[in-house]
Amino acid sequence: MMPTTMSVSDLAKILFASTLQASDHPSPEQVRTVIEDGLRACHEDIASCAACVAQEAGDHPETYEARMRWALSAAVQVDPATLAVP
């Protein structure tokens, strides 16, 4: 079951761990879809998504800050209450 309270930070973690890139210039709908898919992939477990972020940050520390800044700015476009995750 999806967490009842998700923050923009939670959404950004899911987006950060995805393959979507800032250079793709994704639309808000694309961001929403990637977040929904990411939630399904991690079985709606935000801690699992956070572990992926930590792994990526460790593997690519030189890009972490810019990617997280992008993920946060993109995640702001998504209202967690409207996510379609069964």
PDB file of N, CA and C in Angstrom:
ATOM      1  N   MET A   1       0.834  -1.183   0.000  1.00  0.00           N
ATOM      2  CA  MET A   1       0.000   0.000   0.000  1.00  0.00           C
ATOM      3  C   MET A   1       0.879   1.246   0.000  1.00  0.00           C
ATOM      4  N   MET A   2       0.521   2.216  -0.817  1.00  0.00           N
ATOM      5  CA  MET A   2       1.302   3.441  -0.918  1.00  0.00           C
ATOM      6  C   MET A   2       1.262   4.197   0.404  1.00  0.00           C
ATOM      7  N   PRO A   3       2.419   4.765   0.789  1.00  0.00           N
ATOM      8  CA  PRO A   3       2.428   5.564   2.009  1.00  0.00           C
ATOM      9  C   PRO A   3       1.373   6.662   1.921  1.00  0.00           C
ATOM     10  N   THR A   4       0.699   6.929   3.026  1.00  0.00           N
ATOM     11  CA  THR A   4      -0.374   7.921   2.995  1.00  0.00           C
ATOM     12  C   THR A   4       0.168   9.339   2.897  1.00  0.00           C
ATOM     13  N   THR A   5       1.368   9.554   3.380  1.00  0.00           N
ATOM     14  CA  THR A   5       1.962  10.878   3.328  1.00  0.00           C
ATOM     15  C   THR A   5       3.297  10.802   2.610  1.00  0.00           C
ATOM     16  N   MET A   6       3.363  11.455   1.489  1.00  0.00           N
ATOM     17  CA  MET A   6       4.611  11.506   0.734  1.00  0.00           C
ATOM     18  C   MET A   6       4.967  12.966   0.532  1.00  0.00           C
ATOM     19  N   SER A   7       6.223  13.267   0.712  1.00  0.00           N
ATOM     20  CA  SER A   7       6.690  14.637   0.540  1.00  0.00           C
ATOM     21  C   SER A   7       7.307  14.809  -0.846  1.00  0.00           C
ATOM     22  N   VAL A   8       7.580  16.038  -1.193  1.00  0.00           N
ATOM     23  CA  VAL A   8       8.290  16.320  -2.439  1.00  0.00           C
ATOM     24  C   VAL A   8       9.655  15.636  -2.404  1.00  0.00           C
ATOM     25  N   SER A   9      10.264  15.614  -1.241  1.00  0.00           N
ATOM     26  CA  SER A   9      11.554  14.942  -1.089  1.00  0.00           C
ATOM     27  C   SER A   9      11.444  13.451  -1.414  1.00  0.00           C
ATOM     28  N   ASP A  10      10.365  12.805  -0.958  1.00  0.00           N
ATOM     29  CA  ASP A  10      10.144  11.386  -1.279  1.00  0.00           C
ATOM     30  C   ASP A  10      10.011  11.195  -2.786  1.00  0.00           C
ATOM     31  N   LEU A  11       9.232  12.059  -3.414  1.00  0.00           N
ATOM     32  CA  LEU A  11       9.038  11.965  -4.864  1.00  0.00           C
ATOM     33  C   LEU A  11      10.361  12.189  -5.594  1.00  0.00           C
ATOM     34  N   ALA A  12      11.152  13.132  -5.104  1.00  0.00           N
ATOM     35  CA  ALA A  12      12.447  13.424  -5.730  1.00  0.00           C
ATOM     36  C   ALA A  12      13.381  12.221  -5.634  1.00  0.00           C
ATOM     37  N   LYS A  13      13.348  11.511  -4.526  1.00  0.00           N
ATOM     38  CA  LYS A  13      14.181  10.311  -4.390  1.00  0.00           C
ATOM     39  C   LYS A  13      13.825   9.279  -5.442  1.00  0.00           C
ATOM     40  N   ILE A  14      12.540   9.102  -5.663  1.00  0.00           N
ATOM     41  CA  ILE A  14      12.086   8.142  -6.672  1.00  0.00           C
ATOM     42  C   ILE A  14      12.537   8.605  -8.058  1.00  0.00           C
ATOM     43  N   LEU A  15      12.365   9.869  -8.340  1.00  0.00           N
ATOM     44  CA  LEU A  15      12.761  10.427  -9.631  1.00  0.00           C
ATOM     45  C   LEU A  15      14.275  10.355  -9.817  1.00  0.00           C
ATOM     46  N   PHE A  16      15.016  10.670  -8.774  1.00  0.00           N
ATOM     47  CA  PHE A  16      16.477  10.625  -8.816  1.00  0.00           C
ATOM     48  C   PHE A  16      16.959   9.246  -9.234  1.00  0.00           C
ATOM     49  N   ALA A  17      16.328   8.204  -8.707  1.00  0.00           N
ATOM     50  CA  ALA A  17      16.759   6.830  -8.964  1.00  0.00           C
ATOM     51  C   ALA A  17      16.286   6.308 -10.323  1.00  0.00           C
ATOM     52  N   SER A  18      15.517   7.090 -11.035  1.00  0.00           N
ATOM     53  CA  SER A  18      15.001   6.666 -12.344  1.00  0.00           C
ATOM     54  C   SER A  18      16.017   6.927 -13.446  1.00  0.00           C
ATOM     55  N   THR A  19      15.672   6.489 -14.642  1.00  0.00           N
ATOM     56  CA  THR A  19      16.529   6.732 -15.802  1.00  0.00           C
ATOM     57  C   THR A  19      16.192   8.045 -16.510  1.00  0.00           C
ATOM     58  N   LEU A  20      15.119   8.706 -16.083  1.00  0.00           N
ATOM     59  CA  LEU A  20      14.742   9.985 -16.677  1.00  0.00           C
ATOM     60  C   LEU A  20      15.842  11.006 -16.420  1.00  0.00           C
ATOM     61  N   GLN A  21      16.154  11.796 -17.410  1.00  0.00           N
ATOM     62  CA  GLN A  21      17.232  12.778 -17.318  1.00  0.00           C
ATOM     63  C   GLN A  21      16.686  14.201 -17.486  1.00  0.00           C
ATOM     64  N   ALA A  22      17.322  15.127 -16.831  1.00  0.00           N
ATOM     65  CA  ALA A  22      16.954  16.539 -16.989  1.00  0.00           C
ATOM     66  C   ALA A  22      17.067  16.954 -18.455  1.00  0.00           C
ATOM     67  N   SER A  23      18.051  16.408 -19.143  1.00  0.00           N
ATOM     68  CA  SER A  23      18.258  16.762 -20.553  1.00  0.00           C
ATOM     69  C   SER A  23      17.117  16.276 -21.447  1.00  0.00           C
ATOM     70  N   ASP A  24      16.262  15.389 -20.915  1.00  0.00           N
ATOM     71  CA  ASP A  24      15.075  14.944 -21.656  1.00  0.00           C
ATOM     72  C   ASP A  24      13.990  16.013 -21.650  1.00  0.00           C
ATOM     73  N   HIS A  25      14.151  17.021 -20.766  1.00  0.00           N
ATOM     74  CA  HIS A  25      13.153  18.072 -20.593  1.00  0.00           C
ATOM     75  C   HIS A  25      11.753  17.467 -20.447  1.00  0.00           C
ATOM     76  N   PRO A  26      11.590  16.598 -19.444  1.00  0.00           N
ATOM     77  CA  PRO A  26      10.307  15.892 -19.307  1.00  0.00           C
ATOM     78  C   PRO A  26       9.166  16.821 -18.917  1.00  0.00           C
ATOM     79  N   SER A  27       7.998  16.461 -19.403  1.00  0.00           N
ATOM     80  CA  SER A  27       6.786  17.193 -19.041  1.00  0.00           C
ATOM     81  C   SER A  27       6.368  16.757 -17.633  1.00  0.00           C
ATOM     82  N   PRO A  28       5.510  17.540 -16.993  1.00  0.00           N
ATOM     83  CA  PRO A  28       5.009  17.119 -15.678  1.00  0.00           C
ATOM     84  C   PRO A  28       4.354  15.731 -15.728  1.00  0.00           C
ATOM     85  N   GLU A  29       3.678  15.424 -16.819  1.00  0.00           N
ATOM     86  CA  GLU A  29       3.035  14.105 -16.948  1.00  0.00           C
ATOM     87  C   GLU A  29       4.080  12.991 -17.045  1.00  0.00           C
ATOM     88  N   GLN A  30       5.181  13.236 -17.751  1.00  0.00           N
ATOM     89  CA  GLN A  30       6.251  12.247 -17.815  1.00  0.00           C
ATOM     90  C   GLN A  30       6.871  12.037 -16.434  1.00  0.00           C
ATOM     91  N   VAL A  31       7.065  13.106 -15.699  1.00  0.00           N
ATOM     92  CA  VAL A  31       7.616  13.010 -14.345  1.00  0.00           C
ATOM     93  C   VAL A  31       6.683  12.181 -13.471  1.00  0.00           C
ATOM     94  N   ARG A  32       5.393  12.468 -13.541  1.00  0.00           N
ATOM     95  CA  ARG A  32       4.400  11.718 -12.772  1.00  0.00           C
ATOM     96  C   ARG A  32       4.454  10.231 -13.117  1.00  0.00           C
ATOM     97  N   THR A  33       4.491   9.916 -14.386  1.00  0.00           N
ATOM     98  CA  THR A  33       4.519   8.516 -14.825  1.00  0.00           C
ATOM     99  C   THR A  33       5.764   7.802 -14.322  1.00  0.00           C
ATOM    100  N   VAL A  34       6.902   8.459 -14.406  1.00  0.00           N
ATOM    101  CA  VAL A  34       8.160   7.856 -13.935  1.00  0.00           C
ATOM    102  C   VAL A  34       8.106   7.634 -12.426  1.00  0.00           C
ATOM    103  N   ILE A  35       7.539   8.577 -11.701  1.00  0.00           N
ATOM    104  CA  ILE A  35       7.422   8.414 -10.252  1.00  0.00           C
ATOM    105  C   ILE A  35       6.482   7.260  -9.922  1.00  0.00           C
ATOM    106  N   GLU A  36       5.357   7.190 -10.609  1.00  0.00           N
ATOM    107  CA  GLU A  36       4.420   6.082 -10.375  1.00  0.00           C
ATOM    108  C   GLU A  36       5.081   4.738 -10.680  1.00  0.00           C
ATOM    109  N   ASP A  37       5.787   4.669 -11.801  1.00  0.00           N
ATOM    110  CA  ASP A  37       6.488   3.427 -12.165  1.00  0.00           C
ATOM    111  C   ASP A  37       7.556   3.080 -11.127  1.00  0.00           C
ATOM    112  N   GLY A  38       8.270   4.106 -10.657  1.00  0.00           N
ATOM    113  CA  GLY A  38       9.302   3.888  -9.651  1.00  0.00           C
ATOM    114  C   GLY A  38       8.729   3.378  -8.339  1.00  0.00           C
ATOM    115  N   LEU A  39       7.581   3.907  -7.949  1.00  0.00           N
ATOM    116  CA  LEU A  39       6.920   3.433  -6.735  1.00  0.00           C
ATOM    117  C   LEU A  39       6.521   1.971  -6.870  1.00  0.00           C
ATOM    118  N   ARG A  40       5.994   1.618  -8.019  1.00  0.00           N
ATOM    119  CA  ARG A  40       5.630   0.215  -8.246  1.00  0.00           C
ATOM    120  C   ARG A  40       6.868  -0.674  -8.196  1.00  0.00           C
ATOM    121  N   ALA A  41       7.940  -0.227  -8.824  1.00  0.00           N
ATOM    122  CA  ALA A  41       9.175  -1.025  -8.898  1.00  0.00           C
ATOM    123  C   ALA A  41       9.776  -1.276  -7.517  1.00  0.00           C
ATOM    124  N   CYS A  42       9.641  -0.317  -6.621  1.00  0.00           N
ATOM    125  CA  CYS A  42      10.194  -0.506  -5.271  1.00  0.00           C
ATOM    126  C   CYS A  42       9.111  -0.957  -4.303  1.00  0.00           C
ATOM    127  N   HIS A  43       8.015  -1.466  -4.854  1.00  0.00           N
ATOM    128  CA  HIS A  43       6.911  -2.006  -4.049  1.00  0.00           C
ATOM    129  C   HIS A  43       6.382  -0.979  -3.049  1.00  0.00           C
ATOM    130  N   GLU A  44       6.372   0.281  -3.510  1.00  0.00           N
ATOM    131  CA  GLU A  44       5.841   1.410  -2.742  1.00  0.00           C
ATOM    132  C   GLU A  44       6.572   1.607  -1.414  1.00  0.00           C
ATOM    133  N   ASP A  45       7.836   1.215  -1.377  1.00  0.00           N
ATOM    134  CA  ASP A  45       8.666   1.340  -0.177  1.00  0.00           C
ATOM    135  C   ASP A  45       9.670   2.470  -0.390  1.00  0.00           C
ATOM    136  N   ILE A  46       9.394   3.618   0.220  1.00  0.00           N
ATOM    137  CA  ILE A  46      10.244   4.793   0.052  1.00  0.00           C
ATOM    138  C   ILE A  46      11.671   4.517   0.530  1.00  0.00           C
ATOM    139  N   ALA A  47      11.823   3.719   1.569  1.00  0.00           N
ATOM    140  CA  ALA A  47      13.165   3.388   2.070  1.00  0.00           C
ATOM    141  C   ALA A  47      13.977   2.662   1.001  1.00  0.00           C
ATOM    142  N   SER A  48      13.326   1.831   0.226  1.00  0.00           N
ATOM    143  CA  SER A  48      14.001   1.132  -0.867  1.00  0.00           C
ATOM    144  C   SER A  48      14.475   2.129  -1.925  1.00  0.00           C
ATOM    145  N   CYS A  49      13.648   3.100  -2.221  1.00  0.00           N
ATOM    146  CA  CYS A  49      14.027   4.138  -3.181  1.00  0.00           C
ATOM    147  C   CYS A  49      15.193   4.958  -2.637  1.00  0.00           C
ATOM    148  N   ALA A  50      15.156   5.248  -1.343  1.00  0.00           N
ATOM    149  CA  ALA A  50      16.240   6.019  -0.719  1.00  0.00           C
ATOM    150  C   ALA A  50      17.557   5.251  -0.805  1.00  0.00           C
ATOM    151  N   ALA A  51      17.488   3.945  -0.689  1.00  0.00           N
ATOM    152  CA  ALA A  51      18.704   3.128  -0.806  1.00  0.00           C
ATOM    153  C   ALA A  51      19.290   3.242  -2.210  1.00  0.00           C
ATOM    154  N   CYS A  52      18.433   3.316  -3.216  1.00  0.00           N
ATOM    155  CA  CYS A  52      18.909   3.494  -4.592  1.00  0.00           C
ATOM    156  C   CYS A  52      19.595   4.850  -4.761  1.00  0.00           C
ATOM    157  N   VAL A  53      19.043   5.872  -4.126  1.00  0.00           N
ATOM    158  CA  VAL A  53      19.646   7.207  -4.175  1.00  0.00           C
ATOM    159  C   VAL A  53      21.032   7.166  -3.543  1.00  0.00           C
ATOM    160  N   ALA A  54      21.138   6.516  -2.396  1.00  0.00           N
ATOM    161  CA  ALA A  54      22.429   6.423  -1.708  1.00  0.00           C
ATOM    162  C   ALA A  54      23.449   5.695  -2.573  1.00  0.00           C
ATOM    163  N   GLN A  55      23.011   4.630  -3.226  1.00  0.00           N
ATOM    164  CA  GLN A  55      23.913   3.877  -4.100  1.00  0.00           C
ATOM    165  C   GLN A  55      24.387   4.749  -5.263  1.00  0.00           C
ATOM    166  N   GLU A  56      23.462   5.438  -5.898  1.00  0.00           N
ATOM    167  CA  GLU A  56      23.819   6.314  -7.018  1.00  0.00           C
ATOM    168  C   GLU A  56      24.736   7.453  -6.565  1.00  0.00           C
ATOM    169  N   ALA A  57      24.452   8.018  -5.398  1.00  0.00           N
ATOM    170  CA  ALA A  57      25.286   9.107  -4.869  1.00  0.00           C
ATOM    171  C   ALA A  57      26.705   8.610  -4.629  1.00  0.00           C
ATOM    172  N   GLY A  58      26.824   7.396  -4.132  1.00  0.00           N
ATOM    173  CA  GLY A  58      28.152   6.821  -3.900  1.00  0.00           C
ATOM    174  C   GLY A  58      28.875   6.509  -5.190  1.00  0.00           C
ATOM    175  N   ASP A  59      28.112   6.036  -6.188  1.00  0.00           N
ATOM    176  CA  ASP A  59      28.713   5.676  -7.476  1.00  0.00           C
ATOM    177  C   ASP A  59      29.079   6.901  -8.307  1.00  0.00           C
ATOM    178  N   HIS A  60      28.311   7.973  -8.170  1.00  0.00           N
ATOM    179  CA  HIS A  60      28.508   9.175  -9.001  1.00  0.00           C
ATOM    180  C   HIS A  60      28.417  10.447  -8.159  1.00  0.00           C
ATOM    181  N   PRO A  61      29.324  10.622  -7.199  1.00  0.00           N
ATOM    182  CA  PRO A  61      29.225  11.797  -6.318  1.00  0.00           C
ATOM    183  C   PRO A  61      29.348  13.117  -7.074  1.00  0.00           C
ATOM    184  N   GLU A  62      30.028  13.108  -8.203  1.00  0.00           N
ATOM    185  CA  GLU A  62      30.230  14.350  -8.958  1.00  0.00           C
ATOM    186  C   GLU A  62      28.939  14.878  -9.583  1.00  0.00           C
ATOM    187  N   THR A  63      27.940  14.022  -9.751  1.00  0.00           N
ATOM    188  CA  THR A  63      26.682  14.461 -10.363  1.00  0.00           C
ATOM    189  C   THR A  63      25.516  14.493  -9.382  1.00  0.00           C
ATOM    190  N   TYR A  64      25.764  14.053  -8.156  1.00  0.00           N
ATOM    191  CA  TYR A  64      24.672  13.937  -7.181  1.00  0.00           C
ATOM    192  C   TYR A  64      23.937  15.258  -6.963  1.00  0.00           C
ATOM    193  N   GLU A  65      24.663  16.313  -6.661  1.00  0.00           N
ATOM    194  CA  GLU A  65      24.028  17.580  -6.305  1.00  0.00           C
ATOM    195  C   GLU A  65      23.155  18.126  -7.436  1.00  0.00           C
ATOM    196  N   ALA A  66      23.673  18.143  -8.642  1.00  0.00           N
ATOM    197  CA  ALA A  66      22.905  18.678  -9.770  1.00  0.00           C
ATOM    198  C   ALA A  66      21.675  17.813 -10.066  1.00  0.00           C
ATOM    199  N   ARG A  67      21.843  16.484  -9.987  1.00  0.00           N
ATOM    200  CA  ARG A  67      20.712  15.603 -10.276  1.00  0.00           C
ATOM    201  C   ARG A  67      19.636  15.731  -9.201  1.00  0.00           C
ATOM    202  N   MET A  68      20.033  15.809  -7.939  1.00  0.00           N
ATOM    203  CA  MET A  68      19.035  15.936  -6.870  1.00  0.00           C
ATOM    204  C   MET A  68      18.330  17.281  -6.956  1.00  0.00           C
ATOM    205  N   ARG A  69      19.058  18.319  -7.287  1.00  0.00           N
ATOM    206  CA  ARG A  69      18.424  19.642  -7.451  1.00  0.00           C
ATOM    207  C   ARG A  69      17.366  19.565  -8.562  1.00  0.00           C
ATOM    208  N   TRP A  70      17.712  18.919  -9.681  1.00  0.00           N
ATOM    209  CA  TRP A  70      16.743  18.743 -10.772  1.00  0.00           C
ATOM    210  C   TRP A  70      15.559  17.897 -10.311  1.00  0.00           C
ATOM    211  N   ALA A  71      15.833  16.784  -9.627  1.00  0.00           N
ATOM    212  CA  ALA A  71      14.756  15.894  -9.174  1.00  0.00           C
ATOM    213  C   ALA A  71      13.798  16.635  -8.243  1.00  0.00           C
ATOM    214  N   LEU A  72      14.334  17.441  -7.355  1.00  0.00           N
ATOM    215  CA  LEU A  72      13.479  18.219  -6.447  1.00  0.00           C
ATOM    216  C   LEU A  72      12.620  19.225  -7.217  1.00  0.00           C
ATOM    217  N   SER A  73      13.232  19.918  -8.170  1.00  0.00           N
ATOM    218  CA  SER A  73      12.459  20.917  -8.928  1.00  0.00           C
ATOM    219  C   SER A  73      11.409  20.252  -9.807  1.00  0.00           C
ATOM    220  N   ALA A  74      11.692  19.076 -10.332  1.00  0.00           N
ATOM    221  CA  ALA A  74      10.711  18.362 -11.158  1.00  0.00           C
ATOM    222  C   ALA A  74       9.612  17.751 -10.290  1.00  0.00           C
ATOM    223  N   ALA A  75       9.964  17.240  -9.126  1.00  0.00           N
ATOM    224  CA  ALA A  75       8.996  16.588  -8.243  1.00  0.00           C
ATOM    225  C   ALA A  75       7.965  17.561  -7.695  1.00  0.00           C
ATOM    226  N   VAL A  76       8.326  18.832  -7.599  1.00  0.00           N
ATOM    227  CA  VAL A  76       7.391  19.850  -7.109  1.00  0.00           C
ATOM    228  C   VAL A  76       6.149  19.914  -7.999  1.00  0.00           C
ATOM    229  N   GLN A  77       6.274  19.497  -9.243  1.00  0.00           N
ATOM    230  CA  GLN A  77       5.167  19.554 -10.195  1.00  0.00           C
ATOM    231  C   GLN A  77       4.117  18.468  -9.957  1.00  0.00           C
ATOM    232  N   VAL A  78       4.419  17.510  -9.084  1.00  0.00           N
ATOM    233  CA  VAL A  78       3.536  16.365  -8.880  1.00  0.00           C
ATOM    234  C   VAL A  78       2.891  16.431  -7.501  1.00  0.00           C
ATOM    235  N   ASP A  79       1.584  16.331  -7.465  1.00  0.00           N
ATOM    236  CA  ASP A  79       0.854  16.275  -6.195  1.00  0.00           C
ATOM    237  C   ASP A  79       0.785  14.812  -5.760  1.00  0.00           C
ATOM    238  N   PRO A  80       1.438  14.461  -4.646  1.00  0.00           N
ATOM    239  CA  PRO A  80       1.447  13.062  -4.214  1.00  0.00           C
ATOM    240  C   PRO A  80       0.059  12.451  -4.093  1.00  0.00           C
ATOM    241  N   ALA A  81      -0.932  13.242  -3.775  1.00  0.00           N
ATOM    242  CA  ALA A  81      -2.300  12.728  -3.600  1.00  0.00           C
ATOM    243  C   ALA A  81      -2.907  12.255  -4.914  1.00  0.00           C
ATOM    244  N   THR A  82      -2.330  12.664  -6.037  1.00  0.00           N
ATOM    245  CA  THR A  82      -2.921  12.301  -7.329  1.00  0.00           C
ATOM    246  C   THR A  82      -2.196  11.137  -8.005  1.00  0.00           C
ATOM    247  N   LEU A  83      -1.213  10.545  -7.328  1.00  0.00           N
ATOM    248  CA  LEU A  83      -0.482   9.432  -7.937  1.00  0.00           C
ATOM    249  C   LEU A  83      -1.388   8.215  -8.083  1.00  0.00           C
ATOM    250  N   ALA A  84      -1.296   7.579  -9.235  1.00  0.00           N
ATOM    251  CA  ALA A  84      -2.094   6.390  -9.506  1.00  0.00           C
ATOM    252  C   ALA A  84      -1.250   5.143  -9.305  1.00  0.00           C
ATOM    253  N   VAL A  85      -1.171   4.721  -8.061  1.00  0.00           N
ATOM    254  CA  VAL A  85      -0.418   3.508  -7.731  1.00  0.00           C
ATOM    255  C   VAL A  85      -1.372   2.608  -6.968  1.00  0.00           C
ATOM    256  N   PRO A  86      -1.628   1.398  -7.521  1.00  0.00           N
ATOM    257  CA  PRO A  86      -2.585   0.510  -6.840  1.00  0.00           C
ATOM    258  C   PRO A  86      -2.109   0.075  -5.472  1.00  0.00           C
TER     259      PRO A  86
END
